[in-house]
mmCIF file of all heavy atoms, coordinates in Angstrom:
data_MODEL
# 
_entry.id   MODEL 
# 
loop_
_atom_site.group_PDB 
_atom_site.id 
_atom_site.type_symbol 
_atom_site.label_atom_id 
_atom_site.label_alt_id 
_atom_site.label_comp_id 
_atom_site.label_asym_id 
_atom_site.label_entity_id 
_atom_site.label_seq_id 
_atom_site.pdbx_PDB_ins_code 
_atom_site.Cartn_x 
_atom_site.Cartn_y 
_atom_site.Cartn_z 
_atom_site.occupancy 
_atom_site.B_iso_or_equiv 
_atom_site.pdbx_formal_charge 
_atom_site.auth_seq_id 
_atom_site.auth_comp_id 
_atom_site.auth_asym_id 
_atom_site.auth_atom_id 
_atom_site.pdbx_PDB_model_num 
ATOM 1   N N   . ALA A 1 1  ? 129.798 107.672 122.519 1.00 0.00 ? 1  ALA A N   1 
ATOM 2   C CA  . ALA A 1 1  ? 128.896 108.206 121.511 1.00 0.00 ? 1  ALA A CA  1 
ATOM 3   C C   . ALA A 1 1  ? 129.348 109.565 121.006 1.00 0.00 ? 1  ALA A C   1 
ATOM 4   O O   . ALA A 1 1  ? 129.130 109.914 119.853 1.00 0.00 ? 1  ALA A O   1 
ATOM 5   C CB  . ALA A 1 1  ? 127.477 108.315 122.089 1.00 0.00 ? 1  ALA A CB  1 
ATOM 6   N N   . HIS A 1 2  ? 130.005 110.358 121.869 1.00 0.00 ? 2  HIS A N   1 
ATOM 7   C CA  . HIS A 1 2  ? 130.351 111.715 121.493 1.00 0.00 ? 2  HIS A CA  1 
ATOM 8   C C   . HIS A 1 2  ? 131.807 111.898 121.126 1.00 0.00 ? 2  HIS A C   1 
ATOM 9   O O   . HIS A 1 2  ? 132.183 112.936 120.604 1.00 0.00 ? 2  HIS A O   1 
ATOM 10  C CB  . HIS A 1 2  ? 129.978 112.680 122.627 1.00 0.00 ? 2  HIS A CB  1 
ATOM 11  C CG  . HIS A 1 2  ? 128.501 112.817 122.800 1.00 0.00 ? 2  HIS A CG  1 
ATOM 12  N ND1 . HIS A 1 2  ? 127.769 111.985 123.633 1.00 0.00 ? 2  HIS A ND1 1 
ATOM 13  C CD2 . HIS A 1 2  ? 127.593 113.635 122.223 1.00 0.00 ? 2  HIS A CD2 1 
ATOM 14  C CE1 . HIS A 1 2  ? 126.493 112.313 123.586 1.00 0.00 ? 2  HIS A CE1 1 
ATOM 15  N NE2 . HIS A 1 2  ? 126.357 113.305 122.737 1.00 0.00 ? 2  HIS A NE2 1 
ATOM 16  N N   . GLU A 1 3  ? 132.656 110.915 121.406 1.00 0.00 ? 3  GLU A N   1 
ATOM 17  C CA  . GLU A 1 3  ? 134.045 111.008 120.980 1.00 0.00 ? 3  GLU A CA  1 
ATOM 18  C C   . GLU A 1 3  ? 134.095 110.799 119.471 1.00 0.00 ? 3  GLU A C   1 
ATOM 19  O O   . GLU A 1 3  ? 133.243 110.191 118.883 1.00 0.00 ? 3  GLU A O   1 
ATOM 20  C CB  . GLU A 1 3  ? 134.888 109.928 121.687 1.00 0.00 ? 3  GLU A CB  1 
ATOM 21  C CG  . GLU A 1 3  ? 135.059 110.175 123.158 1.00 0.00 ? 3  GLU A CG  1 
ATOM 22  C CD  . GLU A 1 3  ? 136.264 111.049 123.463 1.00 0.00 ? 3  GLU A CD  1 
ATOM 23  O OE1 . GLU A 1 3  ? 136.919 111.511 122.521 1.00 0.00 ? 3  GLU A OE1 1 
ATOM 24  O OE2 . GLU A 1 3  ? 136.530 111.268 124.650 1.00 0.00 ? 3  GLU A OE2 1 
ATOM 25  N N   . GLY A 1 4  ? 135.150 111.270 118.845 1.00 0.00 ? 4  GLY A N   1 
ATOM 26  C CA  . GLY A 1 4  ? 135.283 111.015 117.421 1.00 0.00 ? 4  GLY A CA  1 
ATOM 27  C C   . GLY A 1 4  ? 135.866 112.185 116.670 1.00 0.00 ? 4  GLY A C   1 
ATOM 28  O O   . GLY A 1 4  ? 135.987 112.142 115.456 1.00 0.00 ? 4  GLY A O   1 
ATOM 29  N N   . SER A 1 5  ? 136.238 113.244 117.348 1.00 0.00 ? 5  SER A N   1 
ATOM 30  C CA  . SER A 1 5  ? 136.863 114.372 116.683 1.00 0.00 ? 5  SER A CA  1 
ATOM 31  C C   . SER A 1 5  ? 138.197 113.948 116.094 1.00 0.00 ? 5  SER A C   1 
ATOM 32  O O   . SER A 1 5  ? 138.924 113.163 116.665 1.00 0.00 ? 5  SER A O   1 
ATOM 33  C CB  . SER A 1 5  ? 137.084 115.500 117.699 1.00 0.00 ? 5  SER A CB  1 
ATOM 34  O OG  . SER A 1 5  ? 137.907 116.494 117.138 1.00 0.00 ? 5  SER A OG  1 
ATOM 35  N N   . THR A 1 6  ? 138.503 114.500 114.919 1.00 0.00 ? 6  THR A N   1 
ATOM 36  C CA  . THR A 1 6  ? 139.801 114.213 114.308 1.00 0.00 ? 6  THR A CA  1 
ATOM 37  C C   . THR A 1 6  ? 140.777 115.358 114.546 1.00 0.00 ? 6  THR A C   1 
ATOM 38  O O   . THR A 1 6  ? 141.877 115.329 114.017 1.00 0.00 ? 6  THR A O   1 
ATOM 39  C CB  . THR A 1 6  ? 139.641 113.984 112.794 1.00 0.00 ? 6  THR A CB  1 
ATOM 40  O OG1 . THR A 1 6  ? 139.000 115.128 112.212 1.00 0.00 ? 6  THR A OG1 1 
ATOM 41  C CG2 . THR A 1 6  ? 138.798 112.741 112.523 1.00 0.00 ? 6  THR A CG2 1 
ATOM 42  N N   . ASP A 1 7  ? 140.376 116.357 115.307 1.00 0.00 ? 7  ASP A N   1 
ATOM 43  C CA  . ASP A 1 7  ? 141.245 117.462 115.655 1.00 0.00 ? 7  ASP A CA  1 
ATOM 44  C C   . ASP A 1 7  ? 142.437 116.933 116.449 1.00 0.00 ? 7  ASP A C   1 
ATOM 45  O O   . ASP A 1 7  ? 142.263 116.295 117.484 1.00 0.00 ? 7  ASP A O   1 
ATOM 46  C CB  . ASP A 1 7  ? 140.453 118.465 116.509 1.00 0.00 ? 7  ASP A CB  1 
ATOM 47  C CG  . ASP A 1 7  ? 141.272 119.694 116.888 1.00 0.00 ? 7  ASP A CG  1 
ATOM 48  O OD1 . ASP A 1 7  ? 142.506 119.665 116.702 1.00 0.00 ? 7  ASP A OD1 1 
ATOM 49  O OD2 . ASP A 1 7  ? 140.674 120.665 117.364 1.00 0.00 ? 7  ASP A OD2 1 
ATOM 50  N N   . PRO A 1 8  ? 143.671 117.200 115.998 1.00 0.00 ? 8  PRO A N   1 
ATOM 51  C CA  . PRO A 1 8  ? 144.832 116.660 116.706 1.00 0.00 ? 8  PRO A CA  1 
ATOM 52  C C   . PRO A 1 8  ? 144.996 117.204 118.106 1.00 0.00 ? 8  PRO A C   1 
ATOM 53  O O   . PRO A 1 8  ? 145.732 116.633 118.917 1.00 0.00 ? 8  PRO A O   1 
ATOM 54  C CB  . PRO A 1 8  ? 146.018 117.062 115.807 1.00 0.00 ? 8  PRO A CB  1 
ATOM 55  C CG  . PRO A 1 8  ? 145.509 118.199 114.998 1.00 0.00 ? 8  PRO A CG  1 
ATOM 56  C CD  . PRO A 1 8  ? 144.047 117.934 114.805 1.00 0.00 ? 8  PRO A CD  1 
ATOM 57  N N   . GLU A 1 9  ? 144.321 118.313 118.430 1.00 0.00 ? 9  GLU A N   1 
ATOM 58  C CA  . GLU A 1 9  ? 144.385 118.858 119.779 1.00 0.00 ? 9  GLU A CA  1 
ATOM 59  C C   . GLU A 1 9  ? 143.261 118.324 120.663 1.00 0.00 ? 9  GLU A C   1 
ATOM 60  O O   . GLU A 1 9  ? 143.144 118.691 121.816 1.00 0.00 ? 9  GLU A O   1 
ATOM 61  C CB  . GLU A 1 9  ? 144.318 120.397 119.730 1.00 0.00 ? 9  GLU A CB  1 
ATOM 62  C CG  . GLU A 1 9  ? 145.554 121.038 119.124 1.00 0.00 ? 9  GLU A CG  1 
ATOM 63  C CD  . GLU A 1 9  ? 146.811 120.676 119.893 1.00 0.00 ? 9  GLU A CD  1 
ATOM 64  O OE1 . GLU A 1 9  ? 146.809 120.809 121.122 1.00 0.00 ? 9  GLU A OE1 1 
ATOM 65  O OE2 . GLU A 1 9  ? 147.780 120.224 119.247 1.00 0.00 ? 9  GLU A OE2 1 
ATOM 66  N N   . ASP A 1 10 ? 142.430 117.477 120.092 1.00 0.00 ? 10 ASP A N   1 
ATOM 67  C CA  . ASP A 1 10 ? 141.352 116.845 120.855 1.00 0.00 ? 10 ASP A CA  1 
ATOM 68  C C   . ASP A 1 10 ? 141.939 116.056 122.022 1.00 0.00 ? 10 ASP A C   1 
ATOM 69  O O   . ASP A 1 10 ? 143.002 115.454 121.915 1.00 0.00 ? 10 ASP A O   1 
ATOM 70  C CB  . ASP A 1 10 ? 140.584 115.922 119.910 1.00 0.00 ? 10 ASP A CB  1 
ATOM 71  C CG  . ASP A 1 10 ? 139.619 115.029 120.645 1.00 0.00 ? 10 ASP A CG  1 
ATOM 72  O OD1 . ASP A 1 10 ? 138.534 115.476 120.999 1.00 0.00 ? 10 ASP A OD1 1 
ATOM 73  O OD2 . ASP A 1 10 ? 139.993 113.869 120.895 1.00 0.00 ? 10 ASP A OD2 1 
ATOM 74  N N   . GLU A 1 11 ? 141.219 116.037 123.141 1.00 0.00 ? 11 GLU A N   1 
ATOM 75  C CA  . GLU A 1 11 ? 141.753 115.386 124.340 1.00 0.00 ? 11 GLU A CA  1 
ATOM 76  C C   . GLU A 1 11 ? 142.001 113.895 124.136 1.00 0.00 ? 11 GLU A C   1 
ATOM 77  O O   . GLU A 1 11 ? 142.983 113.343 124.639 1.00 0.00 ? 11 GLU A O   1 
ATOM 78  C CB  . GLU A 1 11 ? 140.799 115.588 125.521 1.00 0.00 ? 11 GLU A CB  1 
ATOM 79  C CG  . GLU A 1 11 ? 141.350 115.008 126.812 1.00 0.00 ? 11 GLU A CG  1 
ATOM 80  C CD  . GLU A 1 11 ? 140.619 115.494 128.039 1.00 0.00 ? 11 GLU A CD  1 
ATOM 81  O OE1 . GLU A 1 11 ? 139.758 116.375 127.928 1.00 0.00 ? 11 GLU A OE1 1 
ATOM 82  O OE2 . GLU A 1 11 ? 140.915 114.978 129.134 1.00 0.00 ? 11 GLU A OE2 1 
ATOM 83  N N   . ALA A 1 12 ? 141.151 113.241 123.358 1.00 0.00 ? 12 ALA A N   1 
ATOM 84  C CA  . ALA A 1 12 ? 141.367 111.822 123.108 1.00 0.00 ? 12 ALA A CA  1 
ATOM 85  C C   . ALA A 1 12 ? 142.664 111.600 122.343 1.00 0.00 ? 12 ALA A C   1 
ATOM 86  O O   . ALA A 1 12 ? 143.399 110.650 122.604 1.00 0.00 ? 12 ALA A O   1 
ATOM 87  C CB  . ALA A 1 12 ? 140.180 111.243 122.326 1.00 0.00 ? 12 ALA A CB  1 
ATOM 88  N N   . ALA A 1 13 ? 142.947 112.490 121.397 1.00 0.00 ? 13 ALA A N   1 
ATOM 89  C CA  . ALA A 1 13 ? 144.192 112.370 120.637 1.00 0.00 ? 13 ALA A CA  1 
ATOM 90  C C   . ALA A 1 13 ? 145.394 112.634 121.534 1.00 0.00 ? 13 ALA A C   1 
ATOM 91  O O   . ALA A 1 13 ? 146.429 111.974 121.425 1.00 0.00 ? 13 ALA A O   1 
ATOM 92  C CB  . ALA A 1 13 ? 144.182 113.344 119.451 1.00 0.00 ? 13 ALA A CB  1 
ATOM 93  N N   . LEU A 1 14 ? 145.252 113.596 122.431 1.00 0.00 ? 14 LEU A N   1 
ATOM 94  C CA  . LEU A 1 14 ? 146.332 113.878 123.377 1.00 0.00 ? 14 LEU A CA  1 
ATOM 95  C C   . LEU A 1 14 ? 146.614 112.652 124.240 1.00 0.00 ? 14 LEU A C   1 
ATOM 96  O O   . LEU A 1 14 ? 147.762 112.257 124.431 1.00 0.00 ? 14 LEU A O   1 
ATOM 97  C CB  . LEU A 1 14 ? 145.953 115.060 124.281 1.00 0.00 ? 14 LEU A CB  1 
ATOM 98  C CG  . LEU A 1 14 ? 146.178 116.467 123.749 1.00 0.00 ? 14 LEU A CG  1 
ATOM 99  C CD1 . LEU A 1 14 ? 145.532 117.476 124.691 1.00 0.00 ? 14 LEU A CD1 1 
ATOM 100 C CD2 . LEU A 1 14 ? 147.655 116.754 123.584 1.00 0.00 ? 14 LEU A CD2 1 
ATOM 101 N N   . ALA A 1 15 ? 145.552 112.060 124.755 1.00 0.00 ? 15 ALA A N   1 
ATOM 102 C CA  . ALA A 1 15 ? 145.722 110.892 125.620 1.00 0.00 ? 15 ALA A CA  1 
ATOM 103 C C   . ALA A 1 15 ? 146.377 109.749 124.865 1.00 0.00 ? 15 ALA A C   1 
ATOM 104 O O   . ALA A 1 15 ? 147.252 109.054 125.392 1.00 0.00 ? 15 ALA A O   1 
ATOM 105 C CB  . ALA A 1 15 ? 144.368 110.453 126.181 1.00 0.00 ? 15 ALA A CB  1 
ATOM 106 N N   . ASP A 1 16 ? 145.965 109.557 123.618 1.00 0.00 ? 16 ASP A N   1 
ATOM 107 C CA  . ASP A 1 16 ? 146.532 108.458 122.841 1.00 0.00 ? 16 ASP A CA  1 
ATOM 108 C C   . ASP A 1 16 ? 148.003 108.718 122.532 1.00 0.00 ? 16 ASP A C   1 
ATOM 109 O O   . ASP A 1 16 ? 148.820 107.803 122.531 1.00 0.00 ? 16 ASP A O   1 
ATOM 110 C CB  . ASP A 1 16 ? 145.748 108.277 121.549 1.00 0.00 ? 16 ASP A CB  1 
ATOM 111 C CG  . ASP A 1 16 ? 145.877 106.876 120.984 1.00 0.00 ? 16 ASP A CG  1 
ATOM 112 O OD1 . ASP A 1 16 ? 145.915 105.922 121.787 1.00 0.00 ? 16 ASP A OD1 1 
ATOM 113 O OD2 . ASP A 1 16 ? 145.944 106.738 119.759 1.00 0.00 ? 16 ASP A OD2 1 
ATOM 114 N N   . ALA A 1 17 ? 148.339 109.981 122.278 1.00 0.00 ? 17 ALA A N   1 
ATOM 115 C CA  . ALA A 1 17 ? 149.734 110.320 121.977 1.00 0.00 ? 17 ALA A CA  1 
ATOM 116 C C   . ALA A 1 17 ? 150.623 110.085 123.195 1.00 0.00 ? 17 ALA A C   1 
ATOM 117 O O   . ALA A 1 17 ? 151.746 109.593 123.080 1.00 0.00 ? 17 ALA A O   1 
ATOM 118 C CB  . ALA A 1 17 ? 149.831 111.774 121.512 1.00 0.00 ? 17 ALA A CB  1 
ATOM 119 N N   . VAL A 1 18 ? 150.148 110.461 124.354 1.00 0.00 ? 18 VAL A N   1 
ATOM 120 C CA  . VAL A 1 18 ? 150.915 110.255 125.586 1.00 0.00 ? 18 VAL A CA  1 
ATOM 121 C C   . VAL A 1 18 ? 150.973 108.769 125.925 1.00 0.00 ? 18 VAL A C   1 
ATOM 122 O O   . VAL A 1 18 ? 151.997 108.255 126.378 1.00 0.00 ? 18 VAL A O   1 
ATOM 123 C CB  . VAL A 1 18 ? 150.280 111.036 126.757 1.00 0.00 ? 18 VAL A CB  1 
ATOM 124 C CG1 . VAL A 1 18 ? 150.938 110.677 128.072 1.00 0.00 ? 18 VAL A CG1 1 
ATOM 125 C CG2 . VAL A 1 18 ? 150.401 112.533 126.502 1.00 0.00 ? 18 VAL A CG2 1 
ATOM 126 N N   . GLY A 1 19 ? 149.867 108.079 125.652 1.00 0.00 ? 19 GLY A N   1 
ATOM 127 C CA  . GLY A 1 19 ? 149.777 106.661 125.983 1.00 0.00 ? 19 GLY A CA  1 
ATOM 128 C C   . GLY A 1 19 ? 148.698 106.454 127.025 1.00 0.00 ? 19 GLY A C   1 
ATOM 129 O O   . GLY A 1 19 ? 148.845 106.892 128.179 1.00 0.00 ? 19 GLY A O   1 
ATOM 130 N N   . LEU A 1 20 ? 147.583 105.843 126.617 1.00 0.00 ? 20 LEU A N   1 
ATOM 131 C CA  . LEU A 1 20 ? 146.481 105.633 127.558 1.00 0.00 ? 20 LEU A CA  1 
ATOM 132 C C   . LEU A 1 20 ? 146.918 104.813 128.758 1.00 0.00 ? 20 LEU A C   1 
ATOM 133 O O   . LEU A 1 20 ? 146.538 105.095 129.895 1.00 0.00 ? 20 LEU A O   1 
ATOM 134 C CB  . LEU A 1 20 ? 145.313 104.939 126.846 1.00 0.00 ? 20 LEU A CB  1 
ATOM 135 C CG  . LEU A 1 20 ? 144.555 105.772 125.804 1.00 0.00 ? 20 LEU A CG  1 
ATOM 136 C CD1 . LEU A 1 20 ? 143.508 104.917 125.123 1.00 0.00 ? 20 LEU A CD1 1 
ATOM 137 C CD2 . LEU A 1 20 ? 143.893 106.971 126.462 1.00 0.00 ? 20 LEU A CD2 1 
ATOM 138 N N   . ALA A 1 21 ? 147.733 103.784 128.504 1.00 0.00 ? 21 ALA A N   1 
ATOM 139 C CA  . ALA A 1 21 ? 148.178 102.942 129.613 1.00 0.00 ? 21 ALA A CA  1 
ATOM 140 C C   . ALA A 1 21 ? 149.020 103.749 130.594 1.00 0.00 ? 21 ALA A C   1 
ATOM 141 O O   . ALA A 1 21 ? 148.882 103.601 131.816 1.00 0.00 ? 21 ALA A O   1 
ATOM 142 C CB  . ALA A 1 21 ? 148.971 101.747 129.095 1.00 0.00 ? 21 ALA A CB  1 
ATOM 143 N N   . LEU A 1 22 ? 149.891 104.619 130.076 1.00 0.00 ? 22 LEU A N   1 
ATOM 144 C CA  . LEU A 1 22 ? 150.712 105.445 130.961 1.00 0.00 ? 22 LEU A CA  1 
ATOM 145 C C   . LEU A 1 22 ? 149.842 106.361 131.805 1.00 0.00 ? 22 LEU A C   1 
ATOM 146 O O   . LEU A 1 22 ? 150.054 106.493 133.025 1.00 0.00 ? 22 LEU A O   1 
ATOM 147 C CB  . LEU A 1 22 ? 151.705 106.273 130.149 1.00 0.00 ? 22 LEU A CB  1 
ATOM 148 C CG  . LEU A 1 22 ? 152.562 107.258 130.962 1.00 0.00 ? 22 LEU A CG  1 
ATOM 149 C CD1 . LEU A 1 22 ? 153.390 106.533 132.021 1.00 0.00 ? 22 LEU A CD1 1 
ATOM 150 C CD2 . LEU A 1 22 ? 153.461 108.081 130.053 1.00 0.00 ? 22 LEU A CD2 1 
ATOM 151 N N   . LEU A 1 23 ? 148.843 106.990 131.205 1.00 0.00 ? 23 LEU A N   1 
ATOM 152 C CA  . LEU A 1 23 ? 147.962 107.879 131.967 1.00 0.00 ? 23 LEU A CA  1 
ATOM 153 C C   . LEU A 1 23 ? 147.202 107.115 133.048 1.00 0.00 ? 23 LEU A C   1 
ATOM 154 O O   . LEU A 1 23 ? 147.005 107.617 134.152 1.00 0.00 ? 23 LEU A O   1 
ATOM 155 C CB  . LEU A 1 23 ? 146.978 108.587 131.029 1.00 0.00 ? 23 LEU A CB  1 
ATOM 156 C CG  . LEU A 1 23 ? 147.579 109.655 130.115 1.00 0.00 ? 23 LEU A CG  1 
ATOM 157 C CD1 . LEU A 1 23 ? 146.519 110.190 129.164 1.00 0.00 ? 23 LEU A CD1 1 
ATOM 158 C CD2 . LEU A 1 23 ? 148.191 110.799 130.917 1.00 0.00 ? 23 LEU A CD2 1 
ATOM 159 N N   . VAL A 1 24 ? 146.775 105.898 132.720 1.00 0.00 ? 24 VAL A N   1 
ATOM 160 C CA  . VAL A 1 24 ? 146.080 105.071 133.713 1.00 0.00 ? 24 VAL A CA  1 
ATOM 161 C C   . VAL A 1 24 ? 146.989 104.805 134.904 1.00 0.00 ? 24 VAL A C   1 
ATOM 162 O O   . VAL A 1 24 ? 146.584 104.944 136.068 1.00 0.00 ? 24 VAL A O   1 
ATOM 163 C CB  . VAL A 1 24 ? 145.624 103.738 133.084 1.00 0.00 ? 24 VAL A CB  1 
ATOM 164 C CG1 . VAL A 1 24 ? 145.215 102.736 134.158 1.00 0.00 ? 24 VAL A CG1 1 
ATOM 165 C CG2 . VAL A 1 24 ? 144.458 103.973 132.129 1.00 0.00 ? 24 VAL A CG2 1 
ATOM 166 N N   . VAL A 1 25 ? 148.233 104.414 134.638 1.00 0.00 ? 25 VAL A N   1 
ATOM 167 C CA  . VAL A 1 25 ? 149.149 104.092 135.725 1.00 0.00 ? 25 VAL A CA  1 
ATOM 168 C C   . VAL A 1 25 ? 149.530 105.351 136.503 1.00 0.00 ? 25 VAL A C   1 
ATOM 169 O O   . VAL A 1 25 ? 149.626 105.321 137.740 1.00 0.00 ? 25 VAL A O   1 
ATOM 170 C CB  . VAL A 1 25 ? 150.410 103.377 135.188 1.00 0.00 ? 25 VAL A CB  1 
ATOM 171 C CG1 . VAL A 1 25 ? 151.361 103.056 136.333 1.00 0.00 ? 25 VAL A CG1 1 
ATOM 172 C CG2 . VAL A 1 25 ? 150.016 102.084 134.469 1.00 0.00 ? 25 VAL A CG2 1 
ATOM 173 N N   . LEU A 1 26 ? 149.721 106.462 135.816 1.00 0.00 ? 26 LEU A N   1 
ATOM 174 C CA  . LEU A 1 26 ? 150.026 107.712 136.513 1.00 0.00 ? 26 LEU A CA  1 
ATOM 175 C C   . LEU A 1 26 ? 148.919 108.080 137.495 1.00 0.00 ? 26 LEU A C   1 
ATOM 176 O O   . LEU A 1 26 ? 149.184 108.648 138.558 1.00 0.00 ? 26 LEU A O   1 
ATOM 177 C CB  . LEU A 1 26 ? 150.232 108.855 135.511 1.00 0.00 ? 26 LEU A CB  1 
ATOM 178 C CG  . LEU A 1 26 ? 151.515 108.821 134.679 1.00 0.00 ? 26 LEU A CG  1 
ATOM 179 C CD1 . LEU A 1 26 ? 151.524 109.977 133.677 1.00 0.00 ? 26 LEU A CD1 1 
ATOM 180 C CD2 . LEU A 1 26 ? 152.758 108.881 135.566 1.00 0.00 ? 26 LEU A CD2 1 
ATOM 181 N N   . ASP A 1 27 ? 147.683 107.731 137.135 1.00 0.00 ? 27 ASP A N   1 
ATOM 182 C CA  . ASP A 1 27 ? 146.555 108.034 138.026 1.00 0.00 ? 27 ASP A CA  1 
ATOM 183 C C   . ASP A 1 27 ? 146.589 107.230 139.316 1.00 0.00 ? 27 ASP A C   1 
ATOM 184 O O   . ASP A 1 27 ? 145.870 107.552 140.261 1.00 0.00 ? 27 ASP A O   1 
ATOM 185 C CB  . ASP A 1 27 ? 145.225 107.770 137.302 1.00 0.00 ? 27 ASP A CB  1 
ATOM 186 C CG  . ASP A 1 27 ? 144.526 109.056 136.895 1.00 0.00 ? 27 ASP A CG  1 
ATOM 187 O OD1 . ASP A 1 27 ? 145.030 110.135 137.235 1.00 0.00 ? 27 ASP A OD1 1 
ATOM 188 O OD2 . ASP A 1 27 ? 143.465 108.976 136.248 1.00 0.00 ? 27 ASP A OD2 1 
ATOM 189 N N   . THR A 1 28 ? 147.386 106.164 139.364 1.00 0.00 ? 28 THR A N   1 
ATOM 190 C CA  . THR A 1 28 ? 147.485 105.362 140.587 1.00 0.00 ? 28 THR A CA  1 
ATOM 191 C C   . THR A 1 28 ? 148.529 105.926 141.556 1.00 0.00 ? 28 THR A C   1 
ATOM 192 O O   . THR A 1 28 ? 148.630 105.457 142.685 1.00 0.00 ? 28 THR A O   1 
ATOM 193 C CB  . THR A 1 28 ? 147.843 103.895 140.276 1.00 0.00 ? 28 THR A CB  1 
ATOM 194 O OG1 . THR A 1 28 ? 149.193 103.818 139.788 1.00 0.00 ? 28 THR A OG1 1 
ATOM 195 C CG2 . THR A 1 28 ? 146.898 103.303 139.241 1.00 0.00 ? 28 THR A CG2 1 
# 
């Protein structure tokens, strides 16, 4: 509900740039 910023420094944008799947696997 609260995500949606278009700021390129937004954490969601950072995660997407790095790769959500990669971050998930790194967490293991």
